[in-house]
Amino acid sequence: MSERLLCALDDIADGGSRGFPAAPGGFIGLFAVRRGEAVFVYVNSCPHVGLPLEMQPHRFLDEAGERIICAAHGATFRVEDGLCMAGPCEGEGLEVVPVRIEAGHVYVPAKAGL
């Protein structure tokens, strides 16, 4: 599987999130949430109507930093697997992007977000 570098691990604050625009030729951006040395990456599209999740750059988490939140509909998602816990898409999930971390860098499949 061909991969691309998403960012350095340190580009995402521990306990925070960060958005990434679509890859060249892509249509949908990605976002990442960091928990220590773990990074969870998802396609930036709410399963309810396909809108990007954030209204402000890099703001994907609720006030407590515990759940991913859709700014348009208020749906909340678990960080660990993207499952919608409440809102109009309850029981559905965000599109998970496989992640590989090596030498302080975060890699995703080259086709992620296409």
PDB file of N, CA and C in Angstrom:
ATOM      1  N   MET A   1       0.855  -1.180   0.000  1.00  0.00           N
ATOM      2  CA  MET A   1       0.000   0.000   0.000  1.00  0.00           C
ATOM      3  C   MET A   1       0.896   1.236   0.000  1.00  0.00           C
ATOM      4  N   SER A   2       0.613   2.143  -0.856  1.00  0.00           N
ATOM      5  CA  SER A   2       1.377   3.380  -0.946  1.00  0.00           C
ATOM      6  C   SER A   2       0.877   4.364   0.122  1.00  0.00           C
ATOM      7  N   GLU A   3       1.802   5.075   0.726  1.00  0.00           N
ATOM      8  CA  GLU A   3       1.463   5.990   1.816  1.00  0.00           C
ATOM      9  C   GLU A   3       1.930   7.403   1.501  1.00  0.00           C
ATOM     10  N   ARG A   4       1.404   8.344   2.287  1.00  0.00           N
ATOM     11  CA  ARG A   4       1.894   9.713   2.230  1.00  0.00           C
ATOM     12  C   ARG A   4       2.073  10.221   3.654  1.00  0.00           C
ATOM     13  N   LEU A   5       3.003  11.138   3.806  1.00  0.00           N
ATOM     14  CA  LEU A   5       3.245  11.768   5.096  1.00  0.00           C
ATOM     15  C   LEU A   5       2.118  12.756   5.365  1.00  0.00           C
ATOM     16  N   LEU A   6       1.448  12.598   6.503  1.00  0.00           N
ATOM     17  CA  LEU A   6       0.397  13.537   6.881  1.00  0.00           C
ATOM     18  C   LEU A   6       1.002  14.718   7.627  1.00  0.00           C
ATOM     19  N   CYS A   7       1.841  14.415   8.638  1.00  0.00           N
ATOM     20  CA  CYS A   7       2.464  15.469   9.433  1.00  0.00           C
ATOM     21  C   CYS A   7       3.453  14.850  10.406  1.00  0.00           C
ATOM     22  N   ALA A   8       4.139  15.702  11.126  1.00  0.00           N
ATOM     23  CA  ALA A   8       4.950  15.237  12.253  1.00  0.00           C
ATOM     24  C   ALA A   8       4.008  15.036  13.436  1.00  0.00           C
ATOM     25  N   LEU A   9       4.304  14.080  14.268  1.00  0.00           N
ATOM     26  CA  LEU A   9       3.478  13.828  15.451  1.00  0.00           C
ATOM     27  C   LEU A   9       3.334  15.101  16.285  1.00  0.00           C
ATOM     28  N   ASP A  10       4.408  15.854  16.431  1.00  0.00           N
ATOM     29  CA  ASP A  10       4.383  17.073  17.232  1.00  0.00           C
ATOM     30  C   ASP A  10       3.554  18.199  16.619  1.00  0.00           C
ATOM     31  N   ASP A  11       3.125  18.042  15.366  1.00  0.00           N
ATOM     32  CA  ASP A  11       2.245  19.038  14.746  1.00  0.00           C
ATOM     33  C   ASP A  11       0.830  18.987  15.309  1.00  0.00           C
ATOM     34  N   ILE A  12       0.518  17.909  16.032  1.00  0.00           N
ATOM     35  CA  ILE A  12      -0.790  17.754  16.664  1.00  0.00           C
ATOM     36  C   ILE A  12      -0.568  17.806  18.172  1.00  0.00           C
ATOM     37  N   ALA A  13      -1.163  18.773  18.837  1.00  0.00           N
ATOM     38  CA  ALA A  13      -1.007  18.880  20.290  1.00  0.00           C
ATOM     39  C   ALA A  13      -1.598  17.643  20.966  1.00  0.00           C
ATOM     40  N   ASP A  14      -0.908  17.134  21.980  1.00  0.00           N
ATOM     41  CA  ASP A  14      -1.438  16.001  22.738  1.00  0.00           C
ATOM     42  C   ASP A  14      -2.780  16.407  23.342  1.00  0.00           C
ATOM     43  N   GLY A  15      -3.820  15.626  23.075  1.00  0.00           N
ATOM     44  CA  GLY A  15      -5.166  15.948  23.540  1.00  0.00           C
ATOM     45  C   GLY A  15      -5.912  16.874  22.596  1.00  0.00           C
ATOM     46  N   GLY A  16      -5.277  17.243  21.485  1.00  0.00           N
ATOM     47  CA  GLY A  16      -5.883  18.174  20.540  1.00  0.00           C
ATOM     48  C   GLY A  16      -6.189  17.530  19.208  1.00  0.00           C
ATOM     49  N   SER A  17      -6.580  18.378  18.260  1.00  0.00           N
ATOM     50  CA  SER A  17      -6.927  17.911  16.921  1.00  0.00           C
ATOM     51  C   SER A  17      -6.354  18.871  15.889  1.00  0.00           C
ATOM     52  N   ARG A  18      -6.306  18.386  14.651  1.00  0.00           N
ATOM     53  CA  ARG A  18      -5.801  19.218  13.567  1.00  0.00           C
ATOM     54  C   ARG A  18      -6.428  18.748  12.253  1.00  0.00           C
ATOM     55  N   GLY A  19      -6.805  19.706  11.426  1.00  0.00           N
ATOM     56  CA  GLY A  19      -7.364  19.395  10.129  1.00  0.00           C
ATOM     57  C   GLY A  19      -6.303  19.473   9.045  1.00  0.00           C
ATOM     58  N   PHE A  20      -6.540  18.727   7.977  1.00  0.00           N
ATOM     59  CA  PHE A  20      -5.636  18.699   6.830  1.00  0.00           C
ATOM     60  C   PHE A  20      -6.469  18.803   5.565  1.00  0.00           C
ATOM     61  N   PRO A  21      -6.127  19.729   4.686  1.00  0.00           N
ATOM     62  CA  PRO A  21      -6.899  19.867   3.447  1.00  0.00           C
ATOM     63  C   PRO A  21      -6.772  18.616   2.586  1.00  0.00           C
ATOM     64  N   ALA A  22      -7.610  18.520   1.588  1.00  0.00           N
ATOM     65  CA  ALA A  22      -7.568  17.368   0.682  1.00  0.00           C
ATOM     66  C   ALA A  22      -6.184  17.232   0.061  1.00  0.00           C
ATOM     67  N   ALA A  23      -5.791  16.001  -0.155  1.00  0.00           N
ATOM     68  CA  ALA A  23      -4.523  15.718  -0.836  1.00  0.00           C
ATOM     69  C   ALA A  23      -4.632  16.192  -2.286  1.00  0.00           C
ATOM     70  N   PRO A  24      -3.521  16.434  -2.953  1.00  0.00           N
ATOM     71  CA  PRO A  24      -3.588  16.832  -4.363  1.00  0.00           C
ATOM     72  C   PRO A  24      -4.467  15.859  -5.152  1.00  0.00           C
ATOM     73  N   GLY A  25      -5.436  16.395  -5.843  1.00  0.00           N
ATOM     74  CA  GLY A  25      -6.369  15.573  -6.603  1.00  0.00           C
ATOM     75  C   GLY A  25      -7.500  15.014  -5.773  1.00  0.00           C
ATOM     76  N   GLY A  26      -7.503  15.299  -4.465  1.00  0.00           N
ATOM     77  CA  GLY A  26      -8.532  14.770  -3.581  1.00  0.00           C
ATOM     78  C   GLY A  26      -9.717  15.692  -3.468  1.00  0.00           C
ATOM     79  N   PHE A  27     -10.764  15.194  -2.860  1.00  0.00           N
ATOM     80  CA  PHE A  27     -11.999  15.946  -2.715  1.00  0.00           C
ATOM     81  C   PHE A  27     -12.327  16.267  -1.268  1.00  0.00           C
ATOM     82  N   ILE A  28     -11.848  15.445  -0.345  1.00  0.00           N
ATOM     83  CA  ILE A  28     -12.230  15.578   1.058  1.00  0.00           C
ATOM     84  C   ILE A  28     -10.972  15.625   1.913  1.00  0.00           C
ATOM     85  N   GLY A  29     -10.953  16.534   2.875  1.00  0.00           N
ATOM     86  CA  GLY A  29      -9.827  16.623   3.789  1.00  0.00           C
ATOM     87  C   GLY A  29      -9.888  15.559   4.868  1.00  0.00           C
ATOM     88  N   LEU A  30      -8.863  15.537   5.671  1.00  0.00           N
ATOM     89  CA  LEU A  30      -8.759  14.618   6.799  1.00  0.00           C
ATOM     90  C   LEU A  30      -8.601  15.429   8.074  1.00  0.00           C
ATOM     91  N   PHE A  31      -8.797  14.781   9.215  1.00  0.00           N
ATOM     92  CA  PHE A  31      -8.433  15.394  10.481  1.00  0.00           C
ATOM     93  C   PHE A  31      -7.895  14.321  11.406  1.00  0.00           C
ATOM     94  N   ALA A  32      -7.085  14.762  12.356  1.00  0.00           N
ATOM     95  CA  ALA A  32      -6.439  13.847  13.284  1.00  0.00           C
ATOM     96  C   ALA A  32      -6.654  14.319  14.709  1.00  0.00           C
ATOM     97  N   VAL A  33      -6.764  13.353  15.613  1.00  0.00           N
ATOM     98  CA  VAL A  33      -6.858  13.617  17.045  1.00  0.00           C
ATOM     99  C   VAL A  33      -5.729  12.837  17.705  1.00  0.00           C
ATOM    100  N   ARG A  34      -5.005  13.503  18.587  1.00  0.00           N
ATOM    101  CA  ARG A  34      -3.868  12.854  19.259  1.00  0.00           C
ATOM    102  C   ARG A  34      -4.183  12.581  20.713  1.00  0.00           C
ATOM    103  N   ARG A  35      -3.840  11.379  21.140  1.00  0.00           N
ATOM    104  CA  ARG A  35      -3.928  10.960  22.536  1.00  0.00           C
ATOM    105  C   ARG A  35      -2.593  10.324  22.890  1.00  0.00           C
ATOM    106  N   GLY A  36      -1.688  11.115  23.437  1.00  0.00           N
ATOM    107  CA  GLY A  36      -0.351  10.608  23.744  1.00  0.00           C
ATOM    108  C   GLY A  36       0.383  10.273  22.466  1.00  0.00           C
ATOM    109  N   GLU A  37       0.837   9.030  22.357  1.00  0.00           N
ATOM    110  CA  GLU A  37       1.546   8.595  21.153  1.00  0.00           C
ATOM    111  C   GLU A  37       0.597   8.027  20.105  1.00  0.00           C
ATOM    112  N   ALA A  38      -0.700   7.949  20.420  1.00  0.00           N
ATOM    113  CA  ALA A  38      -1.696   7.438  19.469  1.00  0.00           C
ATOM    114  C   ALA A  38      -2.320   8.588  18.685  1.00  0.00           C
ATOM    115  N   VAL A  39      -2.560   8.346  17.410  1.00  0.00           N
ATOM    116  CA  VAL A  39      -3.221   9.327  16.550  1.00  0.00           C
ATOM    117  C   VAL A  39      -4.358   8.623  15.829  1.00  0.00           C
ATOM    118  N   PHE A  40      -5.524   9.243  15.845  1.00  0.00           N
ATOM    119  CA  PHE A  40      -6.713   8.720  15.180  1.00  0.00           C
ATOM    120  C   PHE A  40      -7.040   9.677  14.037  1.00  0.00           C
ATOM    121  N   VAL A  41      -7.130   9.143  12.823  1.00  0.00           N
ATOM    122  CA  VAL A  41      -7.370   9.980  11.644  1.00  0.00           C
ATOM    123  C   VAL A  41      -8.680   9.554  10.994  1.00  0.00           C
ATOM    124  N   TYR A  42      -9.444  10.565  10.573  1.00  0.00           N
ATOM    125  CA  TYR A  42     -10.739  10.336   9.936  1.00  0.00           C
ATOM    126  C   TYR A  42     -10.884  11.245   8.723  1.00  0.00           C
ATOM    127  N   VAL A  43     -11.761  10.845   7.812  1.00  0.00           N
ATOM    128  CA  VAL A  43     -12.165  11.701   6.711  1.00  0.00           C
ATOM    129  C   VAL A  43     -13.040  12.795   7.302  1.00  0.00           C
ATOM    130  N   ASN A  44     -12.814  14.037   6.915  1.00  0.00           N
ATOM    131  CA  ASN A  44     -13.522  15.190   7.472  1.00  0.00           C
ATOM    132  C   ASN A  44     -14.882  15.357   6.797  1.00  0.00           C
ATOM    133  N   SER A  45     -15.797  14.440   7.117  1.00  0.00           N
ATOM    134  CA  SER A  45     -17.133  14.454   6.539  1.00  0.00           C
ATOM    135  C   SER A  45     -18.112  13.812   7.514  1.00  0.00           C
ATOM    136  N   CYS A  46     -19.106  14.568   7.944  1.00  0.00           N
ATOM    137  CA  CYS A  46     -20.124  14.033   8.852  1.00  0.00           C
ATOM    138  C   CYS A  46     -20.968  13.006   8.100  1.00  0.00           C
ATOM    139  N   PRO A  47     -21.224  11.837   8.689  1.00  0.00           N
ATOM    140  CA  PRO A  47     -22.025  10.832   7.988  1.00  0.00           C
ATOM    141  C   PRO A  47     -23.486  11.266   7.780  1.00  0.00           C
ATOM    142  N   HIS A  48     -23.936  12.288   8.476  1.00  0.00           N
ATOM    143  CA  HIS A  48     -25.323  12.734   8.341  1.00  0.00           C
ATOM    144  C   HIS A  48     -25.586  13.356   6.977  1.00  0.00           C
ATOM    145  N   VAL A  49     -24.811  14.369   6.570  1.00  0.00           N
ATOM    146  CA  VAL A  49     -25.008  15.001   5.265  1.00  0.00           C
ATOM    147  C   VAL A  49     -23.713  15.281   4.519  1.00  0.00           C
ATOM    148  N   GLY A  50     -22.585  14.822   5.033  1.00  0.00           N
ATOM    149  CA  GLY A  50     -21.330  14.962   4.315  1.00  0.00           C
ATOM    150  C   GLY A  50     -20.608  16.292   4.488  1.00  0.00           C
ATOM    151  N   LEU A  51     -21.091  17.133   5.392  1.00  0.00           N
ATOM    152  CA  LEU A  51     -20.421  18.417   5.635  1.00  0.00           C
ATOM    153  C   LEU A  51     -19.130  18.220   6.410  1.00  0.00           C
ATOM    154  N   PRO A  52     -18.148  19.120   6.241  1.00  0.00           N
ATOM    155  CA  PRO A  52     -16.971  19.089   7.119  1.00  0.00           C
ATOM    156  C   PRO A  52     -17.427  19.286   8.564  1.00  0.00           C
ATOM    157  N   LEU A  53     -16.704  18.706   9.491  1.00  0.00           N
ATOM    158  CA  LEU A  53     -17.113  18.725  10.897  1.00  0.00           C
ATOM    159  C   LEU A  53     -16.854  20.043  11.608  1.00  0.00           C
ATOM    160  N   GLU A  54     -15.814  20.777  11.231  1.00  0.00           N
ATOM    161  CA  GLU A  54     -15.431  21.961  11.986  1.00  0.00           C
ATOM    162  C   GLU A  54     -15.937  23.245  11.336  1.00  0.00           C
ATOM    163  N   MET A  55     -16.195  24.254  12.179  1.00  0.00           N
ATOM    164  CA  MET A  55     -16.523  25.589  11.669  1.00  0.00           C
ATOM    165  C   MET A  55     -15.306  26.495  11.747  1.00  0.00           C
ATOM    166  N   GLN A  56     -14.393  26.179  12.639  1.00  0.00           N
ATOM    167  CA  GLN A  56     -13.151  26.930  12.785  1.00  0.00           C
ATOM    168  C   GLN A  56     -11.994  25.966  12.552  1.00  0.00           C
ATOM    169  N   PRO A  57     -10.917  26.435  11.947  1.00  0.00           N
ATOM    170  CA  PRO A  57      -9.797  25.540  11.657  1.00  0.00           C
ATOM    171  C   PRO A  57      -9.321  24.770  12.892  1.00  0.00           C
ATOM    172  N   HIS A  58      -9.159  23.477  12.702  1.00  0.00           N
ATOM    173  CA  HIS A  58      -8.579  22.570  13.711  1.00  0.00           C
ATOM    174  C   HIS A  58      -9.460  22.371  14.940  1.00  0.00           C
ATOM    175  N   ARG A  59     -10.723  22.787  14.933  1.00  0.00           N
ATOM    176  CA  ARG A  59     -11.629  22.640  16.086  1.00  0.00           C
ATOM    177  C   ARG A  59     -12.577  21.473  15.851  1.00  0.00           C
ATOM    178  N   PHE A  60     -12.139  20.275  16.224  1.00  0.00           N
ATOM    179  CA  PHE A  60     -12.927  19.066  16.000  1.00  0.00           C
ATOM    180  C   PHE A  60     -13.436  18.453  17.304  1.00  0.00           C
ATOM    181  N   LEU A  61     -13.018  18.983  18.444  1.00  0.00           N
ATOM    182  CA  LEU A  61     -13.358  18.376  19.731  1.00  0.00           C
ATOM    183  C   LEU A  61     -14.317  19.247  20.529  1.00  0.00           C
ATOM    184  N   ASP A  62     -15.083  18.586  21.400  1.00  0.00           N
ATOM    185  CA  ASP A  62     -15.972  19.330  22.291  1.00  0.00           C
ATOM    186  C   ASP A  62     -15.142  20.119  23.305  1.00  0.00           C
ATOM    187  N   GLU A  63     -15.813  20.929  24.107  1.00  0.00           N
ATOM    188  CA  GLU A  63     -15.117  21.797  25.082  1.00  0.00           C
ATOM    189  C   GLU A  63     -14.188  21.020  26.010  1.00  0.00           C
ATOM    190  N   ALA A  64     -14.601  19.813  26.397  1.00  0.00           N
ATOM    191  CA  ALA A  64     -13.798  18.995  27.318  1.00  0.00           C
ATOM    192  C   ALA A  64     -12.671  18.260  26.596  1.00  0.00           C
ATOM    193  N   GLY A  65     -12.699  18.263  25.272  1.00  0.00           N
ATOM    194  CA  GLY A  65     -11.680  17.552  24.515  1.00  0.00           C
ATOM    195  C   GLY A  65     -11.850  16.051  24.538  1.00  0.00           C
ATOM    196  N   GLU A  66     -13.064  15.589  24.886  1.00  0.00           N
ATOM    197  CA  GLU A  66     -13.309  14.155  25.033  1.00  0.00           C
ATOM    198  C   GLU A  66     -13.958  13.507  23.828  1.00  0.00           C
ATOM    199  N   ARG A  67     -14.712  14.262  23.058  1.00  0.00           N
ATOM    200  CA  ARG A  67     -15.432  13.717  21.908  1.00  0.00           C
ATOM    201  C   ARG A  67     -15.220  14.598  20.680  1.00  0.00           C
ATOM    202  N   ILE A  68     -15.287  13.983  19.522  1.00  0.00           N
ATOM    203  CA  ILE A  68     -15.323  14.712  18.261  1.00  0.00           C
ATOM    204  C   ILE A  68     -16.742  15.239  18.112  1.00  0.00           C
ATOM    205  N   ILE A  69     -16.882  16.449  17.610  1.00  0.00           N
ATOM    206  CA  ILE A  69     -18.210  17.035  17.476  1.00  0.00           C
ATOM    207  C   ILE A  69     -18.397  17.630  16.084  1.00  0.00           C
ATOM    208  N   CYS A  70     -19.593  17.456  15.538  1.00  0.00           N
ATOM    209  CA  CYS A  70     -19.953  18.083  14.270  1.00  0.00           C
ATOM    210  C   CYS A  70     -20.534  19.453  14.597  1.00  0.00           C
ATOM    211  N   ALA A  71     -19.872  20.495  14.135  1.00  0.00           N
ATOM    212  CA  ALA A  71     -20.319  21.855  14.444  1.00  0.00           C
ATOM    213  C   ALA A  71     -21.671  22.167  13.811  1.00  0.00           C
ATOM    214  N   ALA A  72     -22.021  21.522  12.713  1.00  0.00           N
ATOM    215  CA  ALA A  72     -23.286  21.807  12.030  1.00  0.00           C
ATOM    216  C   ALA A  72     -24.492  21.196  12.735  1.00  0.00           C
ATOM    217  N   HIS A  73     -24.344  19.981  13.263  1.00  0.00           N
ATOM    218  CA  HIS A  73     -25.497  19.267  13.820  1.00  0.00           C
ATOM    219  C   HIS A  73     -25.350  18.897  15.289  1.00  0.00           C
ATOM    220  N   GLY A  74     -24.180  19.083  15.858  1.00  0.00           N
ATOM    221  CA  GLY A  74     -23.964  18.742  17.257  1.00  0.00           C
ATOM    222  C   GLY A  74     -23.767  17.262  17.511  1.00  0.00           C
ATOM    223  N   ALA A  75     -23.668  16.448  16.469  1.00  0.00           N
ATOM    224  CA  ALA A  75     -23.422  15.025  16.663  1.00  0.00           C
ATOM    225  C   ALA A  75     -22.070  14.847  17.349  1.00  0.00           C
ATOM    226  N   THR A  76     -21.983  13.861  18.237  1.00  0.00           N
ATOM    227  CA  THR A  76     -20.723  13.578  18.918  1.00  0.00           C
ATOM    228  C   THR A  76     -20.247  12.178  18.562  1.00  0.00           C
ATOM    229  N   PHE A  77     -18.934  12.044  18.453  1.00  0.00           N
ATOM    230  CA  PHE A  77     -18.295  10.804  18.021  1.00  0.00           C
ATOM    231  C   PHE A  77     -17.181  10.432  18.986  1.00  0.00           C
ATOM    232  N   ARG A  78     -16.998   9.138  19.203  1.00  0.00           N
ATOM    233  CA  ARG A  78     -15.880   8.670  20.020  1.00  0.00           C
ATOM    234  C   ARG A  78     -14.580   8.909  19.272  1.00  0.00           C
ATOM    235  N   VAL A  79     -13.569   9.353  19.996  1.00  0.00           N
ATOM    236  CA  VAL A  79     -12.256   9.596  19.393  1.00  0.00           C
ATOM    237  C   VAL A  79     -11.639   8.286  18.909  1.00  0.00           C
ATOM    238  N   GLU A  80     -11.771   7.224  19.673  1.00  0.00           N
ATOM    239  CA  GLU A  80     -11.054   5.980  19.424  1.00  0.00           C
ATOM    240  C   GLU A  80     -11.502   5.228  18.181  1.00  0.00           C
ATOM    241  N   ASP A  81     -12.774   5.384  17.763  1.00  0.00           N
ATOM    242  CA  ASP A  81     -13.248   4.621  16.604  1.00  0.00           C
ATOM    243  C   ASP A  81     -14.197   5.395  15.690  1.00  0.00           C
ATOM    244  N   GLY A  82     -14.532   6.643  16.039  1.00  0.00           N
ATOM    245  CA  GLY A  82     -15.381   7.467  15.194  1.00  0.00           C
ATOM    246  C   GLY A  82     -16.860   7.155  15.251  1.00  0.00           C
ATOM    247  N   LEU A  83     -17.291   6.290  16.169  1.00  0.00           N
ATOM    248  CA  LEU A  83     -18.706   5.934  16.273  1.00  0.00           C
ATOM    249  C   LEU A  83     -19.511   7.113  16.803  1.00  0.00           C
ATOM    250  N   CYS A  84     -20.641   7.409  16.128  1.00  0.00           N
ATOM    251  CA  CYS A  84     -21.515   8.495  16.567  1.00  0.00           C
ATOM    252  C   CYS A  84     -22.291   8.041  17.801  1.00  0.00           C
ATOM    253  N   MET A  85     -22.134   8.794  18.883  1.00  0.00           N
ATOM    254  CA  MET A  85     -22.777   8.458  20.156  1.00  0.00           C
ATOM    255  C   MET A  85     -24.093   9.202  20.354  1.00  0.00           C
ATOM    256  N   ALA A  86     -24.248  10.358  19.708  1.00  0.00           N
ATOM    257  CA  ALA A  86     -25.479  11.145  19.847  1.00  0.00           C
ATOM    258  C   ALA A  86     -25.604  12.071  18.660  1.00  0.00           C
ATOM    259  N   GLY A  87     -26.847  12.329  18.258  1.00  0.00           N
ATOM    260  CA  GLY A  87     -27.103  13.230  17.146  1.00  0.00           C
ATOM    261  C   GLY A  87     -27.827  12.529  16.018  1.00  0.00           C
ATOM    262  N   PRO A  88     -28.014  13.216  14.903  1.00  0.00           N
ATOM    263  CA  PRO A  88     -28.816  12.666  13.812  1.00  0.00           C
ATOM    264  C   PRO A  88     -28.213  11.449  13.120  1.00  0.00           C
ATOM    265  N   CYS A  89     -26.948  11.166  13.349  1.00  0.00           N
ATOM    266  CA  CYS A  89     -26.319   9.997  12.721  1.00  0.00           C
ATOM    267  C   CYS A  89     -25.923   8.953  13.768  1.00  0.00           C
ATOM    268  N   GLU A  90     -26.622   8.945  14.912  1.00  0.00           N
ATOM    269  CA  GLU A  90     -26.296   8.011  15.999  1.00  0.00           C
ATOM    270  C   GLU A  90     -26.225   6.586  15.473  1.00  0.00           C
ATOM    271  N   GLY A  91     -25.153   5.894  15.866  1.00  0.00           N
ATOM    272  CA  GLY A  91     -24.932   4.520  15.439  1.00  0.00           C
ATOM    273  C   GLY A  91     -24.106   4.406  14.167  1.00  0.00           C
ATOM    274  N   GLU A  92     -24.000   5.479  13.399  1.00  0.00           N
ATOM    275  CA  GLU A  92     -23.140   5.492  12.218  1.00  0.00           C
ATOM    276  C   GLU A  92     -21.738   5.894  12.669  1.00  0.00           C
ATOM    277  N   GLY A  93     -20.814   5.985  11.745  1.00  0.00           N
ATOM    278  CA  GLY A  93     -19.458   6.339  12.139  1.00  0.00           C
ATOM    279  C   GLY A  93     -18.730   7.155  11.087  1.00  0.00           C
ATOM    280  N   LEU A  94     -17.702   7.819  11.546  1.00  0.00           N
ATOM    281  CA  LEU A  94     -16.805   8.539  10.640  1.00  0.00           C
ATOM    282  C   LEU A  94     -15.986   7.521   9.864  1.00  0.00           C
ATOM    283  N   GLU A  95     -15.479   7.916   8.699  1.00  0.00           N
ATOM    284  CA  GLU A  95     -14.640   7.025   7.908  1.00  0.00           C
ATOM    285  C   GLU A  95     -13.235   7.015   8.487  1.00  0.00           C
ATOM    286  N   VAL A  96     -12.839   5.870   9.013  1.00  0.00           N
ATOM    287  CA  VAL A  96     -11.537   5.692   9.652  1.00  0.00           C
ATOM    288  C   VAL A  96     -10.448   5.628   8.586  1.00  0.00           C
ATOM    289  N   VAL A  97      -9.343   6.305   8.863  1.00  0.00           N
ATOM    290  CA  VAL A  97      -8.174   6.276   7.984  1.00  0.00           C
ATOM    291  C   VAL A  97      -7.056   5.553   8.730  1.00  0.00           C
ATOM    292  N   PRO A  98      -6.518   4.472   8.171  1.00  0.00           N
ATOM    293  CA  PRO A  98      -5.413   3.767   8.835  1.00  0.00           C
ATOM    294  C   PRO A  98      -4.214   4.705   9.016  1.00  0.00           C
ATOM    295  N   VAL A  99      -3.524   4.525  10.127  1.00  0.00           N
ATOM    296  CA  VAL A  99      -2.405   5.390  10.484  1.00  0.00           C
ATOM    297  C   VAL A  99      -1.186   4.526  10.802  1.00  0.00           C
ATOM    298  N   ARG A 100      -0.042   5.021  10.408  1.00  0.00           N
ATOM    299  CA  ARG A 100       1.227   4.409  10.825  1.00  0.00           C
ATOM    300  C   ARG A 100       2.105   5.539  11.336  1.00  0.00           C
ATOM    301  N   ILE A 101       2.655   5.341  12.522  1.00  0.00           N
ATOM    302  CA  ILE A 101       3.548   6.340  13.108  1.00  0.00           C
ATOM    303  C   ILE A 101       4.948   5.743  13.141  1.00  0.00           C
ATOM    304  N   GLU A 102       5.878   6.486  12.567  1.00  0.00           N
ATOM    305  CA  GLU A 102       7.263   6.022  12.550  1.00  0.00           C
ATOM    306  C   GLU A 102       8.193   7.216  12.675  1.00  0.00           C
ATOM    307  N   ALA A 103       9.127   7.110  13.607  1.00  0.00           N
ATOM    308  CA  ALA A 103      10.156   8.142  13.809  1.00  0.00           C
ATOM    309  C   ALA A 103       9.533   9.531  13.969  1.00  0.00           C
ATOM    310  N   GLY A 104       8.425   9.602  14.713  1.00  0.00           N
ATOM    311  CA  GLY A 104       7.810  10.891  14.988  1.00  0.00           C
ATOM    312  C   GLY A 104       7.012  11.486  13.840  1.00  0.00           C
ATOM    313  N   HIS A 105       6.680  10.659  12.835  1.00  0.00           N
ATOM    314  CA  HIS A 105       5.896  11.124  11.697  1.00  0.00           C
ATOM    315  C   HIS A 105       4.642  10.274  11.535  1.00  0.00           C
ATOM    316  N   VAL A 106       3.565  10.900  11.079  1.00  0.00           N
ATOM    317  CA  VAL A 106       2.281  10.223  10.899  1.00  0.00           C
ATOM    318  C   VAL A 106       2.061  10.005   9.403  1.00  0.00           C
ATOM    319  N   TYR A 107       1.843   8.746   9.027  1.00  0.00           N
ATOM    320  CA  TYR A 107       1.615   8.370   7.644  1.00  0.00           C
ATOM    321  C   TYR A 107       0.206   7.820   7.477  1.00  0.00           C
ATOM    322  N   VAL A 108      -0.414   8.119   6.337  1.00  0.00           N
ATOM    323  CA  VAL A 108      -1.736   7.610   5.992  1.00  0.00           C
ATOM    324  C   VAL A 108      -1.659   7.052   4.578  1.00  0.00           C
ATOM    325  N   PRO A 109      -2.650   6.222   4.176  1.00  0.00           N
ATOM    326  CA  PRO A 109      -2.654   5.732   2.797  1.00  0.00           C
ATOM    327  C   PRO A 109      -2.696   6.887   1.800  1.00  0.00           C
ATOM    328  N   ALA A 110      -2.004   6.751   0.698  1.00  0.00           N
ATOM    329  CA  ALA A 110      -1.949   7.794  -0.321  1.00  0.00           C
ATOM    330  C   ALA A 110      -3.328   8.166  -0.828  1.00  0.00           C
ATOM    331  N   LYS A 111      -4.264   7.230  -0.840  1.00  0.00           N
ATOM    332  CA  LYS A 111      -5.590   7.486  -1.380  1.00  0.00           C
ATOM    333  C   LYS A 111      -6.592   7.980  -0.335  1.00  0.00           C
ATOM    334  N   ALA A 112      -6.166   8.189   0.889  1.00  0.00           N
ATOM    335  CA  ALA A 112      -7.087   8.660   1.939  1.00  0.00           C
ATOM    336  C   ALA A 112      -7.675  10.012   1.566  1.00  0.00           C
ATOM    337  N   GLY A 113      -8.990  10.104   1.592  1.00  0.00           N
ATOM    338  CA  GLY A 113      -9.679  11.352   1.267  1.00  0.00           C
ATOM    339  C   GLY A 113      -9.975  11.533  -0.205  1.00  0.00           C
ATOM    340  N   LEU A 114      -9.646  10.545  -1.032  1.00  0.00           N
ATOM    341  CA  LEU A 114      -9.939  10.665  -2.466  1.00  0.00           C
ATOM    342  C   LEU A 114     -11.353  10.222  -2.758  1.00  0.00           C
TER     343      LEU A 114
END
